[in-house]
Amino acid sequence: MAVLSLFLPPFSPDYSGVSAVLFDLKTVTAMHDASGCTGNYTGYDEPRWYGSKSPVYCSGLREIDAVLGDDEKLIQKMIDAARDIQPDLMALVGSPVPMVIGSDLAGVAAELEARTGIPSFGFDTTGTTYYDKGAAATILALLERFTEPLATMPGSVNILGATPMDFGKGENLRDLKKLLQDRGLFLTACLAMDYNLAALRQSAAAEVNLAVSRTGLLVAAEMEKRYGIPYLCGLPYGEKASEEYFAALEEVRQSRQSRIFNASSRDFCDCCKLSAAGGACGVGRANDSRTAPEILIVGEQVQANAIRLALQRDYGESSVAVGCLFGLEPGLALPQDKDLKSEQLIGQELNRDNYRLIIADPFLKVLLQNNQKEFWPNAQYAVSSKLAADQIARLTGSHFNRWVNLRIEKTKV
């Protein structure tokens, strides 16, 4: 019962992460389910779906198929679809029912490829983990299949971990690409939005990988092992923080040493020095404003870290905590950060007395009991889908400053 949600919708699951990565490729993607999971992805997790021609299908799994395990029926459906569409690759994506009955989607995909000659993948997703794990696994599977080590192209970068669940329709990504272009850098591949197989094959030639989400960090760490490409994990939010970001990028290019672009504990001395001396920041001191953070940013960890650093560098806010909705990556966290694994934990954290400002998806506001606290909405598609898409903040570079200044002006009014 600890993970029961009464007010919040389920966040985007792993099968949606898989499907989002495959969306831009000429892929026959089939979710092995009875249509519910397919509808969740196309209707709520994928802003690019409406008006697109991306072939995402449902296998039409029925009770008798689950009981008898009729893999031949699924294979024949995929062959028929391939005959009509002539795809570059095919993918079978799991859901809770295949998990329960023990379907071997990787094995079915191997049989499918043997019959058709088309590269085929089976992803044993379950719907019980979040989108970032599914997206990372899919990008890595595609890299393993289609990408070989290449000579490095100076001045080239990959953007890793770009999915609609984190970036909606991609306005912040387009701003990031513009900033890169303005500094004489060029993009090899943006994995996995607005890319194709040719870009995927060239991705091993990038000089640096830019991990823009937790998904991206998982992929970047593996690409460093495979191809020796160093990475910078973070985002350039805010004018001053963006200058530091690109200085860090140049440092990574020169040193070939990967780096996490994040505030360090010493940057938040009031709370973190105390935590080093006597326990986790804010734990046991939730009502003590002298030691506990005053601002809480809830969301995807890399993006939330970027907002925190921009608030510090551009606005002098030095008492900020991050609440992670989809899992806390220790290498990205400061001592005061929290892993918010359930609606109950989210509500408890939002309602701590020490916070005067909360930045989070607008759907989370329903959990806030004290309406006197400032609440700045920053929607995330993995949480509120299209229902709050108009509240996805534009934060890259100086857009962050305009967003914050507008919020401050509204508060004054």
Protein backbone atom coordinates (compact mmCIF):
# COMPACT_ATOMS: atom_id res chain seq x y z
CA MET A 1 0.00 0.00 0.00
CA ALA A 2 2.99 2.31 0.39
CA VAL A 3 3.11 2.90 -3.38
CA LEU A 4 -0.65 3.40 -3.82
CA SER A 5 -1.55 6.62 -5.66
CA LEU A 6 -4.85 8.32 -4.90
CA PHE A 7 -4.29 11.63 -6.71
CA LEU A 8 -1.46 11.18 -9.22
CA PRO A 9 -1.60 9.23 -12.49
CA PRO A 10 0.95 6.47 -13.13
CA PHE A 11 4.16 7.90 -14.57
CA SER A 12 5.39 6.85 -18.02
CA PRO A 13 6.58 3.20 -17.92
CA ASP A 14 9.44 1.33 -19.56
CA TYR A 15 7.50 0.17 -22.63
CA SER A 16 6.77 3.81 -23.50
CA GLY A 17 10.48 4.59 -23.25
CA VAL A 18 11.26 1.79 -25.71
CA SER A 19 8.60 2.92 -28.17
CA ALA A 20 9.66 6.57 -27.96
CA VAL A 21 13.24 5.71 -28.96
CA LEU A 22 12.00 3.72 -31.98
CA PHE A 23 9.43 6.33 -33.02
CA ASP A 24 11.61 8.24 -35.52
CA LEU A 25 12.99 5.12 -37.19
CA LYS A 26 11.24 3.13 -39.90
CA THR A 27 10.24 0.43 -37.45
CA VAL A 28 7.32 -1.92 -37.10
CA THR A 29 6.83 -1.65 -33.33
CA ALA A 30 4.34 -4.05 -31.74
CA MET A 31 3.35 -3.90 -28.10
CA HIS A 32 2.46 -7.39 -26.94
CA ASP A 33 -0.71 -6.60 -25.01
CA ALA A 34 -4.48 -6.44 -25.26
CA SER A 35 -4.42 -2.75 -26.36
CA GLY A 36 -4.36 -0.97 -22.98
CA CYS A 37 -0.61 -0.38 -22.87
CA THR A 38 -0.51 0.59 -26.54
CA GLY A 39 -3.24 3.15 -25.86
CA ASN A 40 -1.35 4.50 -22.86
CA TYR A 41 1.71 5.13 -25.03
CA THR A 42 0.04 6.55 -28.12
CA GLY A 43 -2.62 8.50 -26.24
CA TYR A 44 -0.69 9.88 -23.28
CA ASP A 45 3.07 9.30 -23.44
CA GLU A 46 3.80 10.30 -27.04
CA PRO A 47 3.10 13.92 -28.10
CA ARG A 48 4.35 13.14 -31.64
CA TRP A 49 1.74 10.44 -32.26
CA TYR A 50 -1.18 12.49 -33.57
CA GLY A 51 -0.67 13.28 -37.25
CA SER A 52 2.32 10.95 -37.53
CA LYS A 53 2.75 7.83 -39.67
CA SER A 54 4.93 5.94 -37.21
CA PRO A 55 3.84 2.27 -37.35
CA VAL A 56 3.15 1.40 -33.70
CA TYR A 57 0.77 -1.54 -33.33
CA CYS A 58 -0.87 -3.69 -30.69
CA SER A 59 -0.46 -7.46 -30.93
CA GLY A 60 -4.07 -7.92 -29.84
CA LEU A 61 -3.14 -10.38 -27.11
CA ARG A 62 -6.19 -12.37 -26.00
CA GLU A 63 -6.77 -14.69 -23.05
CA ILE A 64 -6.52 -17.82 -25.18
CA ASP A 65 -3.19 -16.59 -26.64
CA ALA A 66 -1.86 -16.02 -23.13
CA VAL A 67 -2.98 -19.48 -22.02
CA LEU A 68 -1.66 -21.36 -25.07
CA GLY A 69 1.38 -19.17 -25.76
CA ASP A 70 0.72 -18.95 -29.50
CA ASP A 71 3.93 -17.23 -30.65
CA GLU A 72 3.34 -18.25 -34.27
CA LYS A 73 0.28 -16.00 -34.44
CA LEU A 74 2.37 -13.02 -33.28
CA ILE A 75 5.18 -13.81 -35.72
CA GLN A 76 2.77 -14.06 -38.64
CA LYS A 77 1.22 -10.69 -37.79
CA MET A 78 4.68 -9.10 -37.79
CA ILE A 79 5.56 -10.71 -41.12
CA ASP A 80 2.34 -9.41 -42.67
CA ALA A 81 3.07 -5.90 -41.38
CA ALA A 82 6.64 -6.06 -42.69
CA ARG A 83 5.39 -7.09 -46.12
CA ASP A 84 3.21 -3.97 -46.29
CA ILE A 85 5.58 -1.43 -44.74
CA GLN A 86 9.07 -2.66 -45.73
CA PRO A 87 10.66 -1.43 -42.44
CA ASP A 88 14.35 -1.08 -41.61
CA LEU A 89 13.81 -2.98 -38.36
CA MET A 90 11.12 -4.56 -36.20
CA ALA A 91 10.56 -4.59 -32.46
CA LEU A 92 8.42 -6.49 -29.98
CA VAL A 93 7.74 -4.61 -26.74
CA GLY A 94 6.58 -6.33 -23.55
CA SER A 95 3.81 -5.41 -21.12
CA PRO A 96 2.60 -6.84 -17.78
CA VAL A 97 0.82 -9.89 -19.24
CA PRO A 98 3.84 -11.22 -21.20
CA MET A 99 5.85 -10.71 -18.02
CA VAL A 100 3.42 -12.84 -16.00
CA ILE A 101 3.23 -15.67 -18.54
CA GLY A 102 6.98 -15.61 -19.22
CA SER A 103 6.99 -14.68 -22.91
CA ASP A 104 10.42 -14.80 -24.52
CA LEU A 105 10.22 -11.76 -26.77
CA ALA A 106 13.92 -11.82 -27.54
CA GLY A 107 13.52 -15.39 -28.75
CA VAL A 108 10.46 -14.50 -30.84
CA ALA A 109 12.40 -11.59 -32.36
CA ALA A 110 15.28 -13.92 -33.27
CA GLU A 111 12.81 -16.24 -35.05
CA LEU A 112 11.25 -13.26 -36.79
CA GLU A 113 14.61 -12.03 -38.05
CA ALA A 114 15.56 -15.49 -39.26
CA ARG A 115 12.40 -15.64 -41.39
CA THR A 116 12.43 -12.10 -42.76
CA GLY A 117 16.07 -11.03 -42.75
CA ILE A 118 15.00 -7.75 -41.11
CA PRO A 119 16.89 -6.75 -37.92
CA SER A 120 14.48 -7.51 -35.08
CA PHE A 121 14.51 -6.75 -31.37
CA GLY A 122 12.62 -8.10 -28.41
CA PHE A 123 12.36 -5.95 -25.30
CA ASP A 124 11.13 -7.73 -22.18
CA THR A 125 9.66 -4.61 -20.64
CA THR A 126 7.11 -5.10 -17.87
CA GLY A 127 5.37 -1.79 -17.22
CA THR A 128 6.64 -1.90 -13.64
CA THR A 129 9.70 0.34 -14.11
CA TYR A 130 9.95 3.86 -15.52
CA TYR A 131 10.50 5.07 -19.05
CA ASP A 132 14.17 5.97 -18.59
CA LYS A 133 15.22 2.35 -18.12
CA GLY A 134 13.33 1.25 -21.24
CA ALA A 135 14.70 4.13 -23.31
CA ALA A 136 18.30 3.52 -22.22
CA ALA A 137 18.08 -0.22 -22.93
CA THR A 138 16.71 0.48 -26.41
CA ILE A 139 19.35 3.05 -27.35
CA LEU A 140 22.09 0.68 -26.20
CA ALA A 141 20.58 -2.21 -28.16
CA LEU A 142 20.47 -0.07 -31.31
CA LEU A 143 24.06 1.09 -30.80
CA GLU A 144 25.26 -2.47 -30.33
CA ARG A 145 23.55 -3.56 -33.53
CA PHE A 146 24.24 -0.67 -35.87
CA THR A 147 27.22 1.31 -34.58
CA GLU A 148 30.95 0.56 -34.88
CA PRO A 149 33.94 2.53 -33.51
CA LEU A 150 34.82 5.42 -35.83
CA ALA A 151 37.49 8.10 -36.04
CA THR A 152 36.58 11.10 -33.91
CA MET A 153 35.19 14.16 -35.68
CA PRO A 154 36.49 17.28 -33.87
CA GLY A 155 33.78 19.64 -32.73
CA SER A 156 31.04 17.01 -32.89
CA VAL A 157 28.66 16.07 -30.09
CA ASN A 158 25.83 13.65 -29.47
CA ILE A 159 22.80 14.59 -27.38
CA LEU A 160 21.88 11.52 -25.34
CA GLY A 161 18.68 10.82 -23.44
CA ALA A 162 16.30 13.05 -25.38
CA THR A 163 12.78 11.63 -25.09
CA PRO A 164 9.33 13.27 -25.16
CA MET A 165 8.77 12.11 -21.58
CA ASP A 166 11.44 14.60 -20.48
CA PHE A 167 11.32 17.21 -23.27
CA GLY A 168 7.76 17.18 -24.62
CA LYS A 169 7.81 18.31 -28.24
CA GLY A 170 11.45 19.32 -27.93
CA GLU A 171 11.52 23.11 -27.62
CA ASN A 172 14.34 23.04 -25.05
CA LEU A 173 16.27 20.62 -27.25
CA ARG A 174 15.97 22.95 -30.23
CA ASP A 175 17.29 25.78 -28.07
CA LEU A 176 20.21 23.58 -26.98
CA LYS A 177 21.06 22.74 -30.59
CA LYS A 178 21.06 26.46 -31.41
CA LEU A 179 23.45 27.19 -28.54
CA LEU A 180 25.77 24.44 -29.75
CA GLN A 181 25.67 25.79 -33.29
CA ASP A 182 26.41 29.32 -32.11
CA ARG A 183 29.60 28.00 -30.48
CA GLY A 184 30.84 26.25 -33.58
CA LEU A 185 29.85 22.74 -32.54
CA PHE A 186 27.84 20.37 -34.70
CA LEU A 187 25.45 17.60 -33.84
CA THR A 188 26.14 14.00 -34.84
CA ALA A 189 23.01 12.40 -33.38
CA CYS A 190 20.24 13.34 -30.98
CA LEU A 191 19.28 10.05 -29.35
CA ALA A 192 16.41 9.65 -29.46
CA MET A 193 14.42 12.51 -31.05
CA ASP A 194 14.78 13.82 -34.61
CA TYR A 195 17.32 11.22 -35.74
CA ASN A 196 17.64 8.36 -38.23
CA LEU A 197 19.70 5.22 -38.74
CA ALA A 198 22.44 7.13 -40.57
CA ALA A 199 22.91 9.44 -37.59
CA LEU A 200 22.86 6.46 -35.23
CA ARG A 201 25.63 4.76 -37.22
CA GLN A 202 27.75 7.94 -37.07
CA SER A 203 27.24 8.50 -33.34
CA ALA A 204 30.47 6.74 -32.34
CA ALA A 205 32.43 9.48 -34.12
CA ALA A 206 31.31 12.21 -31.71
CA GLU A 207 33.99 14.01 -29.72
CA VAL A 208 31.78 14.41 -26.63
CA ASN A 209 28.45 13.02 -25.49
CA LEU A 210 26.00 15.39 -23.81
CA ALA A 211 23.84 13.46 -21.34
CA VAL A 212 20.71 15.58 -20.89
CA SER A 213 18.74 13.19 -18.66
CA ARG A 214 19.19 10.14 -16.46
CA THR A 215 18.52 8.06 -19.57
CA GLY A 216 21.37 9.89 -21.26
CA LEU A 217 23.74 9.30 -18.36
CA LEU A 218 23.11 5.54 -18.50
CA VAL A 219 23.84 5.54 -22.23
CA ALA A 220 26.83 7.88 -21.99
CA ALA A 221 28.54 5.72 -19.38
CA GLU A 222 28.24 2.68 -21.64
CA MET A 223 29.39 4.57 -24.75
CA GLU A 224 32.45 5.71 -22.86
CA LYS A 225 33.32 2.05 -22.21
CA ARG A 226 32.60 0.94 -25.78
CA TYR A 227 33.93 3.83 -27.84
CA GLY A 228 36.01 5.94 -25.45
CA ILE A 229 33.76 9.01 -25.82
CA PRO A 230 33.81 11.24 -22.71
CA TYR A 231 30.57 12.84 -21.59
CA LEU A 232 29.23 15.95 -19.92
CA CYS A 233 26.06 15.33 -17.93
CA GLY A 234 23.86 18.37 -17.43
CA LEU A 235 21.97 21.16 -19.19
CA PRO A 236 22.75 24.84 -19.85
CA TYR A 237 19.96 26.62 -17.98
CA GLY A 238 20.41 30.28 -17.07
CA GLU A 239 22.77 32.87 -18.55
CA LYS A 240 25.65 32.58 -16.08
CA ALA A 241 25.26 28.84 -15.55
CA SER A 242 25.24 28.32 -19.34
CA GLU A 243 28.60 30.01 -19.67
CA GLU A 244 29.95 27.63 -17.04
CA TYR A 245 28.36 24.73 -18.89
CA PHE A 246 30.15 25.49 -22.14
CA ALA A 247 33.40 26.09 -20.28
CA ALA A 248 32.94 22.62 -18.76
CA LEU A 249 32.25 21.20 -22.22
CA GLU A 250 35.49 22.66 -23.52
CA GLU A 251 37.30 21.20 -20.52
CA VAL A 252 35.88 17.76 -21.33
CA ARG A 253 36.95 18.13 -24.96
CA GLN A 254 40.50 19.00 -23.97
CA SER A 255 40.99 16.61 -21.05
CA ARG A 256 38.93 13.68 -22.41
CA GLN A 257 37.63 13.25 -18.86
CA SER A 258 33.90 12.90 -18.27
CA ARG A 259 32.16 15.32 -15.93
CA ILE A 260 28.87 15.80 -14.10
CA PHE A 261 27.80 19.44 -14.47
CA ASN A 262 26.18 19.98 -11.11
CA ALA A 263 26.59 22.01 -7.96
CA SER A 264 28.89 20.45 -5.41
CA SER A 265 28.21 20.10 -1.70
CA ARG A 266 30.48 23.04 -0.89
CA ASP A 267 28.25 25.27 -3.07
CA PHE A 268 25.46 24.74 -0.54
CA CYS A 269 27.50 25.11 2.61
CA ASP A 270 24.72 26.08 5.05
CA CYS A 271 22.95 22.76 4.76
CA CYS A 272 25.62 20.44 3.42
CA LYS A 273 28.35 21.25 5.93
CA LEU A 274 25.85 20.58 8.65
CA SER A 275 24.86 17.31 7.03
CA ALA A 276 28.48 16.22 6.80
CA ALA A 277 28.82 16.86 10.49
CA GLY A 278 25.57 15.34 11.60
CA GLY A 279 23.48 13.35 9.14
CA ALA A 280 21.47 13.85 5.99
CA CYS A 281 20.38 17.40 5.28
CA GLY A 282 16.88 18.13 6.46
CA VAL A 283 16.42 14.71 8.08
CA GLY A 284 15.43 15.25 11.68
CA ARG A 285 15.56 19.00 11.06
CA ALA A 286 12.55 19.40 8.80
CA ASN A 287 11.20 22.29 10.84
CA ASP A 288 14.53 24.05 11.34
CA SER A 289 14.82 26.72 8.62
CA ARG A 290 18.44 27.40 9.59
CA THR A 291 19.58 24.00 8.32
CA ALA A 292 16.95 22.69 5.90
CA PRO A 293 16.66 23.75 2.22
CA GLU A 294 14.15 26.47 1.37
CA ILE A 295 13.47 25.55 -2.28
CA LEU A 296 12.40 22.15 -3.59
CA ILE A 297 12.62 21.15 -7.25
CA VAL A 298 10.75 17.95 -8.08
CA GLY A 299 11.16 16.07 -11.34
CA GLU A 300 13.71 14.33 -13.53
CA GLN A 301 17.07 14.48 -11.77
CA VAL A 302 19.33 15.98 -14.46
CA GLN A 303 16.83 18.68 -15.36
CA ALA A 304 16.15 19.47 -11.71
CA ASN A 305 19.89 19.75 -11.06
CA ALA A 306 20.18 22.21 -13.96
CA ILE A 307 17.39 24.37 -12.52
CA ARG A 308 19.10 24.30 -9.11
CA LEU A 309 22.46 25.37 -10.50
CA ALA A 310 20.87 28.17 -12.53
CA LEU A 311 19.02 29.44 -9.45
CA GLN A 312 22.30 29.48 -7.59
CA ARG A 313 24.51 31.07 -10.25
CA ASP A 314 21.99 33.53 -11.71
CA TYR A 315 19.87 34.34 -8.63
CA GLY A 316 22.04 33.56 -5.62
CA GLU A 317 19.72 30.89 -4.22
CA SER A 318 21.95 28.60 -2.16
CA SER A 319 19.42 26.51 -0.25
CA VAL A 320 17.89 24.14 -2.79
CA ALA A 321 16.97 20.45 -2.70
CA VAL A 322 15.99 18.12 -5.55
CA GLY A 323 13.25 15.52 -5.28
CA CYS A 324 13.63 12.69 -7.79
CA LEU A 325 10.41 11.16 -9.14
CA PHE A 326 11.88 8.38 -11.26
CA GLY A 327 14.76 7.20 -9.10
CA LEU A 328 17.77 8.89 -7.55
CA GLU A 329 21.15 8.43 -9.24
CA PRO A 330 23.73 8.71 -6.43
CA GLY A 331 26.37 10.28 -8.67
CA LEU A 332 24.00 13.14 -9.48
CA ALA A 333 22.74 13.80 -5.97
CA LEU A 334 23.70 16.18 -3.18
CA PRO A 335 23.16 15.21 0.47
CA GLN A 336 19.87 17.09 0.77
CA ASP A 337 18.29 15.42 -2.29
CA LYS A 338 15.44 12.92 -1.90
CA ASP A 339 14.28 9.80 -3.71
CA LEU A 340 10.51 10.28 -3.89
CA LYS A 341 9.37 6.75 -4.68
CA SER A 342 5.66 7.13 -4.00
CA GLU A 343 2.82 9.60 -3.83
CA GLN A 344 3.02 9.43 -0.05
CA LEU A 345 6.69 10.44 -0.01
CA ILE A 346 6.08 13.21 -2.54
CA GLY A 347 3.30 14.63 -0.41
CA GLN A 348 5.36 14.45 2.77
CA GLU A 349 8.26 16.27 1.13
CA LEU A 350 6.13 18.99 -0.47
CA ASN A 351 4.53 19.76 2.90
CA ARG A 352 7.70 20.16 4.96
CA ASP A 353 7.63 23.52 6.71
CA ASN A 354 11.09 24.56 5.54
CA TYR A 355 10.18 24.96 1.87
CA ARG A 356 9.01 28.40 0.78
CA LEU A 357 9.11 27.65 -2.97
CA ILE A 358 8.33 24.46 -4.90
CA ILE A 359 9.03 23.92 -8.60
CA ALA A 360 7.24 20.85 -9.94
CA ASP A 361 4.74 19.46 -12.40
CA PRO A 362 1.36 21.16 -11.86
CA PHE A 363 -0.28 17.79 -11.15
CA LEU A 364 1.71 17.61 -7.90
CA LYS A 365 0.07 20.74 -6.53
CA VAL A 366 -2.95 18.69 -5.44
CA LEU A 367 -0.72 17.13 -2.75
CA LEU A 368 0.21 20.52 -1.29
CA GLN A 369 -1.73 21.26 1.89
CA ASN A 370 -0.32 24.74 2.52
CA ASN A 371 -1.55 27.06 -0.21
CA GLN A 372 0.64 29.87 1.13
CA LYS A 373 3.74 28.31 -0.38
CA GLU A 374 4.90 29.55 -3.76
CA PHE A 375 4.42 26.94 -6.48
CA TRP A 376 6.02 27.35 -9.90
CA PRO A 377 4.62 24.83 -12.42
CA ASN A 378 7.05 23.15 -14.79
CA ALA A 379 5.21 20.32 -16.52
CA GLN A 380 6.80 17.02 -17.51
CA TYR A 381 5.16 14.80 -20.08
CA ALA A 382 5.98 11.67 -18.07
CA VAL A 383 3.73 12.98 -15.29
CA SER A 384 0.91 15.10 -16.72
CA SER A 385 1.06 14.26 -20.43
CA LYS A 386 -0.82 16.54 -22.81
CA LEU A 387 -3.07 17.80 -20.00
CA ALA A 388 -0.39 20.29 -18.90
CA ALA A 389 1.76 20.49 -22.03
CA ASP A 390 1.29 24.26 -22.18
CA GLN A 391 3.12 24.55 -18.84
CA ILE A 392 6.39 22.96 -19.96
CA ALA A 393 8.86 25.74 -19.17
CA ARG A 394 11.35 26.94 -21.75
CA LEU A 395 14.56 26.94 -19.73
CA THR A 396 17.61 26.60 -21.97
CA GLY A 397 20.08 29.48 -21.77
CA SER A 398 18.59 32.92 -21.18
CA HIS A 399 15.05 31.56 -21.53
CA PHE A 400 15.45 30.36 -17.94
CA ASN A 401 16.01 33.93 -16.74
CA ARG A 402 12.95 35.18 -18.58
CA TRP A 403 10.87 32.38 -17.05
CA VAL A 404 12.09 33.10 -13.52
CA ASN A 405 11.70 36.87 -13.89
CA LEU A 406 8.13 36.38 -15.09
CA ARG A 407 7.35 34.17 -12.08
CA ILE A 408 8.82 36.77 -9.74
CA GLU A 409 6.74 39.54 -11.32
CA LYS A 410 3.58 37.46 -10.98
CA THR A 411 4.36 36.86 -7.31
CA LYS A 412 4.71 40.59 -6.70
CA VAL A 413 1.31 41.23 -8.26
